[in-house]
Amino acid sequence: MSVLSFKTFCIENYAEHCDKNSCDVYELFASSGLLKHLQDDYGDLHGMGKEFLMDYFDKWLSGGAK
C-alpha cells in the first residue's frame, strides 16, 4: 500500500468511525498534525489493524498519543 493509499484509508475509515464527512476528517487530521504523522511513521503504522488505528486516532486527536 502506498503512503497516499494509506492516508486515504485512514481518513475514510475514521470518517465512518466518527460518522463525519471525510473532508472534515482530512482537515482535522491536517490541523492536528496527524496527517504528517501518518506519512512520517508510515513504516510503523501501515501494518496495524483498523481497530487499533481508530483507537490511536481517537487518542491522538484528544491529545494523548503524541
PDB file of N, CA and C in Angstrom:
ATOM      1  N   MET A   1       0.856  -1.175   0.000  1.00  0.00           N
ATOM      2  CA  MET A   1       0.000   0.000   0.000  1.00  0.00           C
ATOM      3  C   MET A   1       0.903   1.239   0.000  1.00  0.00           C
ATOM      4  N   SER A   2       0.604   2.185  -0.867  1.00  0.00           N
ATOM      5  CA  SER A   2       1.378   3.422  -0.920  1.00  0.00           C
ATOM      6  C   SER A   2       0.995   4.330   0.256  1.00  0.00           C
ATOM      7  N   VAL A   3       1.821   5.317   0.514  1.00  0.00           N
ATOM      8  CA  VAL A   3       1.543   6.268   1.591  1.00  0.00           C
ATOM      9  C   VAL A   3       0.228   6.998   1.320  1.00  0.00           C
ATOM     10  N   LEU A   4       0.010   7.401   0.087  1.00  0.00           N
ATOM     11  CA  LEU A   4      -1.228   8.091  -0.266  1.00  0.00           C
ATOM     12  C   LEU A   4      -2.447   7.197  -0.051  1.00  0.00           C
ATOM     13  N   SER A   5      -2.348   5.948  -0.446  1.00  0.00           N
ATOM     14  CA  SER A   5      -3.455   4.999  -0.229  1.00  0.00           C
ATOM     15  C   SER A   5      -3.706   4.786   1.254  1.00  0.00           C
ATOM     16  N   PHE A   6      -2.639   4.733   2.039  1.00  0.00           N
ATOM     17  CA  PHE A   6      -2.779   4.553   3.481  1.00  0.00           C
ATOM     18  C   PHE A   6      -3.477   5.755   4.117  1.00  0.00           C
ATOM     19  N   LYS A   7      -3.071   6.952   3.735  1.00  0.00           N
ATOM     20  CA  LYS A   7      -3.716   8.151   4.273  1.00  0.00           C
ATOM     21  C   LYS A   7      -5.199   8.167   3.918  1.00  0.00           C
ATOM     22  N   THR A   8      -5.506   7.818   2.679  1.00  0.00           N
ATOM     23  CA  THR A   8      -6.899   7.771   2.237  1.00  0.00           C
ATOM     24  C   THR A   8      -7.682   6.741   3.039  1.00  0.00           C
ATOM     25  N   PHE A   9      -7.103   5.567   3.223  1.00  0.00           N
ATOM     26  CA  PHE A   9      -7.717   4.516   4.034  1.00  0.00           C
ATOM     27  C   PHE A   9      -8.022   5.036   5.430  1.00  0.00           C
ATOM     28  N   CYS A  10      -7.062   5.693   6.041  1.00  0.00           N
ATOM     29  CA  CYS A  10      -7.225   6.196   7.403  1.00  0.00           C
ATOM     30  C   CYS A  10      -8.317   7.257   7.480  1.00  0.00           C
ATOM     31  N   ILE A  11      -8.306   8.190   6.557  1.00  0.00           N
ATOM     32  CA  ILE A  11      -9.296   9.268   6.555  1.00  0.00           C
ATOM     33  C   ILE A  11     -10.698   8.707   6.344  1.00  0.00           C
ATOM     34  N   GLU A  12     -10.854   7.857   5.349  1.00  0.00           N
ATOM     35  CA  GLU A  12     -12.177   7.304   5.048  1.00  0.00           C
ATOM     36  C   GLU A  12     -12.708   6.446   6.200  1.00  0.00           C
ATOM     37  N   ASN A  13     -11.864   5.633   6.777  1.00  0.00           N
ATOM     38  CA  ASN A  13     -12.314   4.770   7.866  1.00  0.00           C
ATOM     39  C   ASN A  13     -12.568   5.551   9.145  1.00  0.00           C
ATOM     40  N   TYR A  14     -11.783   6.576   9.404  1.00  0.00           N
ATOM     41  CA  TYR A  14     -12.041   7.390  10.589  1.00  0.00           C
ATOM     42  C   TYR A  14     -13.325   8.201  10.412  1.00  0.00           C
ATOM     43  N   ALA A  15     -13.586   8.666   9.203  1.00  0.00           N
ATOM     44  CA  ALA A  15     -14.843   9.371   8.932  1.00  0.00           C
ATOM     45  C   ALA A  15     -16.039   8.466   9.227  1.00  0.00           C
ATOM     46  N   GLU A  16     -15.941   7.227   8.804  1.00  0.00           N
ATOM     47  CA  GLU A  16     -17.011   6.262   9.090  1.00  0.00           C
ATOM     48  C   GLU A  16     -17.096   5.981  10.588  1.00  0.00           C
ATOM     49  N   HIS A  17     -15.953   5.826  11.226  1.00  0.00           N
ATOM     50  CA  HIS A  17     -15.866   5.551  12.665  1.00  0.00           C
ATOM     51  C   HIS A  17     -16.564   6.650  13.477  1.00  0.00           C
ATOM     52  N   CYS A  18     -16.392   7.892  13.055  1.00  0.00           N
ATOM     53  CA  CYS A  18     -16.945   9.039  13.788  1.00  0.00           C
ATOM     54  C   CYS A  18     -18.232   9.586  13.190  1.00  0.00           C
ATOM     55  N   ASP A  19     -18.676   8.969  12.102  1.00  0.00           N
ATOM     56  CA  ASP A  19     -19.863   9.444  11.393  1.00  0.00           C
ATOM     57  C   ASP A  19     -19.712  10.908  10.996  1.00  0.00           C
ATOM     58  N   LYS A  20     -18.552  11.206  10.365  1.00  0.00           N
ATOM     59  CA  LYS A  20     -18.257  12.556   9.890  1.00  0.00           C
ATOM     60  C   LYS A  20     -17.965  12.508   8.398  1.00  0.00           C
ATOM     61  N   ASN A  21     -17.977  13.663   7.786  1.00  0.00           N
ATOM     62  CA  ASN A  21     -17.624  13.821   6.385  1.00  0.00           C
ATOM     63  C   ASN A  21     -16.116  13.647   6.235  1.00  0.00           C
ATOM     64  N   SER A  22     -15.678  12.956   5.196  1.00  0.00           N
ATOM     65  CA  SER A  22     -14.243  12.706   5.013  1.00  0.00           C
ATOM     66  C   SER A  22     -13.458  13.997   4.790  1.00  0.00           C
ATOM     67  N   CYS A  23     -14.074  15.018   4.204  1.00  0.00           N
ATOM     68  CA  CYS A  23     -13.397  16.317   4.037  1.00  0.00           C
ATOM     69  C   CYS A  23     -13.124  16.956   5.398  1.00  0.00           C
ATOM     70  N   ASP A  24     -14.076  16.820   6.313  1.00  0.00           N
ATOM     71  CA  ASP A  24     -13.880  17.343   7.667  1.00  0.00           C
ATOM     72  C   ASP A  24     -12.790  16.580   8.401  1.00  0.00           C
ATOM     73  N   VAL A  25     -12.752  15.273   8.207  1.00  0.00           N
ATOM     74  CA  VAL A  25     -11.715  14.458   8.851  1.00  0.00           C
ATOM     75  C   VAL A  25     -10.341  14.807   8.287  1.00  0.00           C
ATOM     76  N   TYR A  26     -10.254  15.025   6.976  1.00  0.00           N
ATOM     77  CA  TYR A  26      -8.993  15.449   6.373  1.00  0.00           C
ATOM     78  C   TYR A  26      -8.501  16.737   7.039  1.00  0.00           C
ATOM     79  N   GLU A  27      -9.370  17.723   7.178  1.00  0.00           N
ATOM     80  CA  GLU A  27      -8.999  18.994   7.811  1.00  0.00           C
ATOM     81  C   GLU A  27      -8.574  18.784   9.266  1.00  0.00           C
ATOM     82  N   LEU A  28      -9.276  17.918   9.968  1.00  0.00           N
ATOM     83  CA  LEU A  28      -8.936  17.601  11.354  1.00  0.00           C
ATOM     84  C   LEU A  28      -7.566  16.939  11.441  1.00  0.00           C
ATOM     85  N   PHE A  29      -7.310  15.976  10.582  1.00  0.00           N
ATOM     86  CA  PHE A  29      -6.008  15.301  10.549  1.00  0.00           C
ATOM     87  C   PHE A  29      -4.898  16.288  10.199  1.00  0.00           C
ATOM     88  N   ALA A  30      -5.146  17.160   9.232  1.00  0.00           N
ATOM     89  CA  ALA A  30      -4.131  18.123   8.811  1.00  0.00           C
ATOM     90  C   ALA A  30      -3.833  19.127   9.923  1.00  0.00           C
ATOM     91  N   SER A  31      -4.857  19.675  10.544  1.00  0.00           N
ATOM     92  CA  SER A  31      -4.659  20.710  11.564  1.00  0.00           C
ATOM     93  C   SER A  31      -4.053  20.165  12.853  1.00  0.00           C
ATOM     94  N   SER A  32      -4.253  18.891  13.124  1.00  0.00           N
ATOM     95  CA  SER A  32      -3.724  18.286  14.354  1.00  0.00           C
ATOM     96  C   SER A  32      -2.314  17.737  14.182  1.00  0.00           C
ATOM     97  N   GLY A  33      -1.825  17.699  12.945  1.00  0.00           N
ATOM     98  CA  GLY A  33      -0.508  17.120  12.677  1.00  0.00           C
ATOM     99  C   GLY A  33      -0.566  15.625  12.419  1.00  0.00           C
ATOM    100  N   LEU A  34      -1.742  15.048  12.510  1.00  0.00           N
ATOM    101  CA  LEU A  34      -1.874  13.601  12.319  1.00  0.00           C
ATOM    102  C   LEU A  34      -1.592  13.194  10.873  1.00  0.00           C
ATOM    103  N   LEU A  35      -1.960  14.011   9.926  1.00  0.00           N
ATOM    104  CA  LEU A  35      -1.711  13.689   8.522  1.00  0.00           C
ATOM    105  C   LEU A  35      -0.207  13.579   8.253  1.00  0.00           C
ATOM    106  N   LYS A  36       0.570  14.500   8.787  1.00  0.00           N
ATOM    107  CA  LYS A  36       2.027  14.451   8.647  1.00  0.00           C
ATOM    108  C   LYS A  36       2.590  13.234   9.384  1.00  0.00           C
ATOM    109  N   HIS A  37       2.044  12.951  10.543  1.00  0.00           N
ATOM    110  CA  HIS A  37       2.474  11.790  11.331  1.00  0.00           C
ATOM    111  C   HIS A  37       2.245  10.486  10.558  1.00  0.00           C
ATOM    112  N   LEU A  38       1.124  10.396   9.856  1.00  0.00           N
ATOM    113  CA  LEU A  38       0.841   9.198   9.055  1.00  0.00           C
ATOM    114  C   LEU A  38       1.901   8.992   7.985  1.00  0.00           C
ATOM    115  N   GLN A  39       2.377  10.077   7.407  1.00  0.00           N
ATOM    116  CA  GLN A  39       3.422   9.971   6.397  1.00  0.00           C
ATOM    117  C   GLN A  39       4.772   9.658   7.036  1.00  0.00           C
ATOM    118  N   ASP A  40       5.109  10.388   8.093  1.00  0.00           N
ATOM    119  CA  ASP A  40       6.415  10.225   8.731  1.00  0.00           C
ATOM    120  C   ASP A  40       6.598   8.844   9.360  1.00  0.00           C
ATOM    121  N   ASP A  41       5.526   8.291   9.924  1.00  0.00           N
ATOM    122  CA  ASP A  41       5.603   6.993  10.600  1.00  0.00           C
ATOM    123  C   ASP A  41       4.854   5.893   9.851  1.00  0.00           C
ATOM    124  N   TYR A  42       4.775   6.055   8.545  1.00  0.00           N
ATOM    125  CA  TYR A  42       4.097   5.082   7.696  1.00  0.00           C
ATOM    126  C   TYR A  42       4.621   3.662   7.939  1.00  0.00           C
ATOM    127  N   GLY A  43       5.913   3.522   8.033  1.00  0.00           N
ATOM    128  CA  GLY A  43       6.513   2.201   8.206  1.00  0.00           C
ATOM    129  C   GLY A  43       6.014   1.472   9.443  1.00  0.00           C
ATOM    130  N   ASP A  44       5.759   2.221  10.516  1.00  0.00           N
ATOM    131  CA  ASP A  44       5.274   1.608  11.754  1.00  0.00           C
ATOM    132  C   ASP A  44       3.762   1.428  11.772  1.00  0.00           C
ATOM    133  N   LEU A  45       3.039   2.336  11.140  1.00  0.00           N
ATOM    134  CA  LEU A  45       1.581   2.351  11.274  1.00  0.00           C
ATOM    135  C   LEU A  45       0.827   1.540  10.227  1.00  0.00           C
ATOM    136  N   HIS A  46       1.371   1.390   9.034  1.00  0.00           N
ATOM    137  CA  HIS A  46       0.567   0.791   7.968  1.00  0.00           C
ATOM    138  C   HIS A  46       0.240  -0.681   8.184  1.00  0.00           C
ATOM    139  N   GLY A  47       0.957  -1.345   9.054  1.00  0.00           N
ATOM    140  CA  GLY A  47       0.665  -2.748   9.328  1.00  0.00           C
ATOM    141  C   GLY A  47      -0.300  -2.973  10.476  1.00  0.00           C
ATOM    142  N   MET A  48      -0.732  -1.888  11.102  1.00  0.00           N
ATOM    143  CA  MET A  48      -1.638  -2.005  12.244  1.00  0.00           C
ATOM    144  C   MET A  48      -3.065  -2.263  11.767  1.00  0.00           C
ATOM    145  N   GLY A  49      -3.837  -2.894  12.593  1.00  0.00           N
ATOM    146  CA  GLY A  49      -5.230  -3.198  12.272  1.00  0.00           C
ATOM    147  C   GLY A  49      -6.114  -1.975  12.357  1.00  0.00           C
ATOM    148  N   LYS A  50      -7.241  -2.062  11.703  1.00  0.00           N
ATOM    149  CA  LYS A  50      -8.186  -0.945  11.643  1.00  0.00           C
ATOM    150  C   LYS A  50      -8.645  -0.514  13.038  1.00  0.00           C
ATOM    151  N   GLU A  51      -8.982  -1.448  13.911  1.00  0.00           N
ATOM    152  CA  GLU A  51      -9.459  -1.111  15.242  1.00  0.00           C
ATOM    153  C   GLU A  51      -8.379  -0.391  16.041  1.00  0.00           C
ATOM    154  N   PHE A  52      -7.137  -0.876  15.925  1.00  0.00           N
ATOM    155  CA  PHE A  52      -6.018  -0.221  16.596  1.00  0.00           C
ATOM    156  C   PHE A  52      -5.869   1.213  16.097  1.00  0.00           C
ATOM    157  N   LEU A  53      -5.915   1.392  14.775  1.00  0.00           N
ATOM    158  CA  LEU A  53      -5.751   2.726  14.202  1.00  0.00           C
ATOM    159  C   LEU A  53      -6.858   3.679  14.644  1.00  0.00           C
ATOM    160  N   MET A  54      -8.096   3.233  14.679  1.00  0.00           N
ATOM    161  CA  MET A  54      -9.195   4.105  15.097  1.00  0.00           C
ATOM    162  C   MET A  54      -8.995   4.550  16.549  1.00  0.00           C
ATOM    163  N   ASP A  55      -8.582   3.632  17.406  1.00  0.00           N
ATOM    164  CA  ASP A  55      -8.297   3.966  18.804  1.00  0.00           C
ATOM    165  C   ASP A  55      -7.113   4.924  18.894  1.00  0.00           C
ATOM    166  N   TYR A  56      -6.081   4.666  18.104  1.00  0.00           N
ATOM    167  CA  TYR A  56      -4.891   5.514  18.071  1.00  0.00           C
ATOM    168  C   TYR A  56      -5.254   6.931  17.637  1.00  0.00           C
ATOM    169  N   PHE A  57      -6.095   7.056  16.615  1.00  0.00           N
ATOM    170  CA  PHE A  57      -6.505   8.375  16.138  1.00  0.00           C
ATOM    171  C   PHE A  57      -7.344   9.093  17.193  1.00  0.00           C
ATOM    172  N   ASP A  58      -8.248   8.365  17.854  1.00  0.00           N
ATOM    173  CA  ASP A  58      -9.035   8.967  18.937  1.00  0.00           C
ATOM    174  C   ASP A  58      -8.108   9.548  20.005  1.00  0.00           C
ATOM    175  N   LYS A  59      -7.108   8.774  20.394  1.00  0.00           N
ATOM    176  CA  LYS A  59      -6.162   9.236  21.419  1.00  0.00           C
ATOM    177  C   LYS A  59      -5.340  10.418  20.922  1.00  0.00           C
ATOM    178  N   TRP A  60      -4.848  10.331  19.690  1.00  0.00           N
ATOM    179  CA  TRP A  60      -4.048  11.422  19.117  1.00  0.00           C
ATOM    180  C   TRP A  60      -4.845  12.722  19.117  1.00  0.00           C
ATOM    181  N   LEU A  61      -6.079  12.641  18.631  1.00  0.00           N
ATOM    182  CA  LEU A  61      -6.912  13.838  18.496  1.00  0.00           C
ATOM    183  C   LEU A  61      -7.381  14.396  19.832  1.00  0.00           C
ATOM    184  N   SER A  62      -7.333  13.581  20.874  1.00  0.00           N
ATOM    185  CA  SER A  62      -7.674  14.077  22.211  1.00  0.00           C
ATOM    186  C   SER A  62      -6.415  14.511  22.958  1.00  0.00           C
ATOM    187  N   GLY A  63      -5.262  14.437  22.289  1.00  0.00           N
ATOM    188  CA  GLY A  63      -4.020  14.902  22.886  1.00  0.00           C
ATOM    189  C   GLY A  63      -3.214  13.855  23.620  1.00  0.00           C
ATOM    190  N   GLY A  64      -3.631  12.593  23.513  1.00  0.00           N
ATOM    191  CA  GLY A  64      -2.968  11.557  24.297  1.00  0.00           C
ATOM    192  C   GLY A  64      -1.953  10.690  23.617  1.00  0.00           C
ATOM    193  N   ALA A  65      -1.810  10.744  22.292  1.00  0.00           N
ATOM    194  CA  ALA A  65      -0.912   9.779  21.615  1.00  0.00           C
ATOM    195  C   ALA A  65       0.299  10.420  20.977  1.00  0.00           C
ATOM    196  N   LYS A  66       0.519  11.701  21.182  1.00  0.00           N
ATOM    197  CA  LYS A  66       1.620  12.392  20.503  1.00  0.00           C
ATOM    198  C   LYS A  66       2.954  12.083  21.107  1.00  0.00           C
TER     199      LYS A  66
END
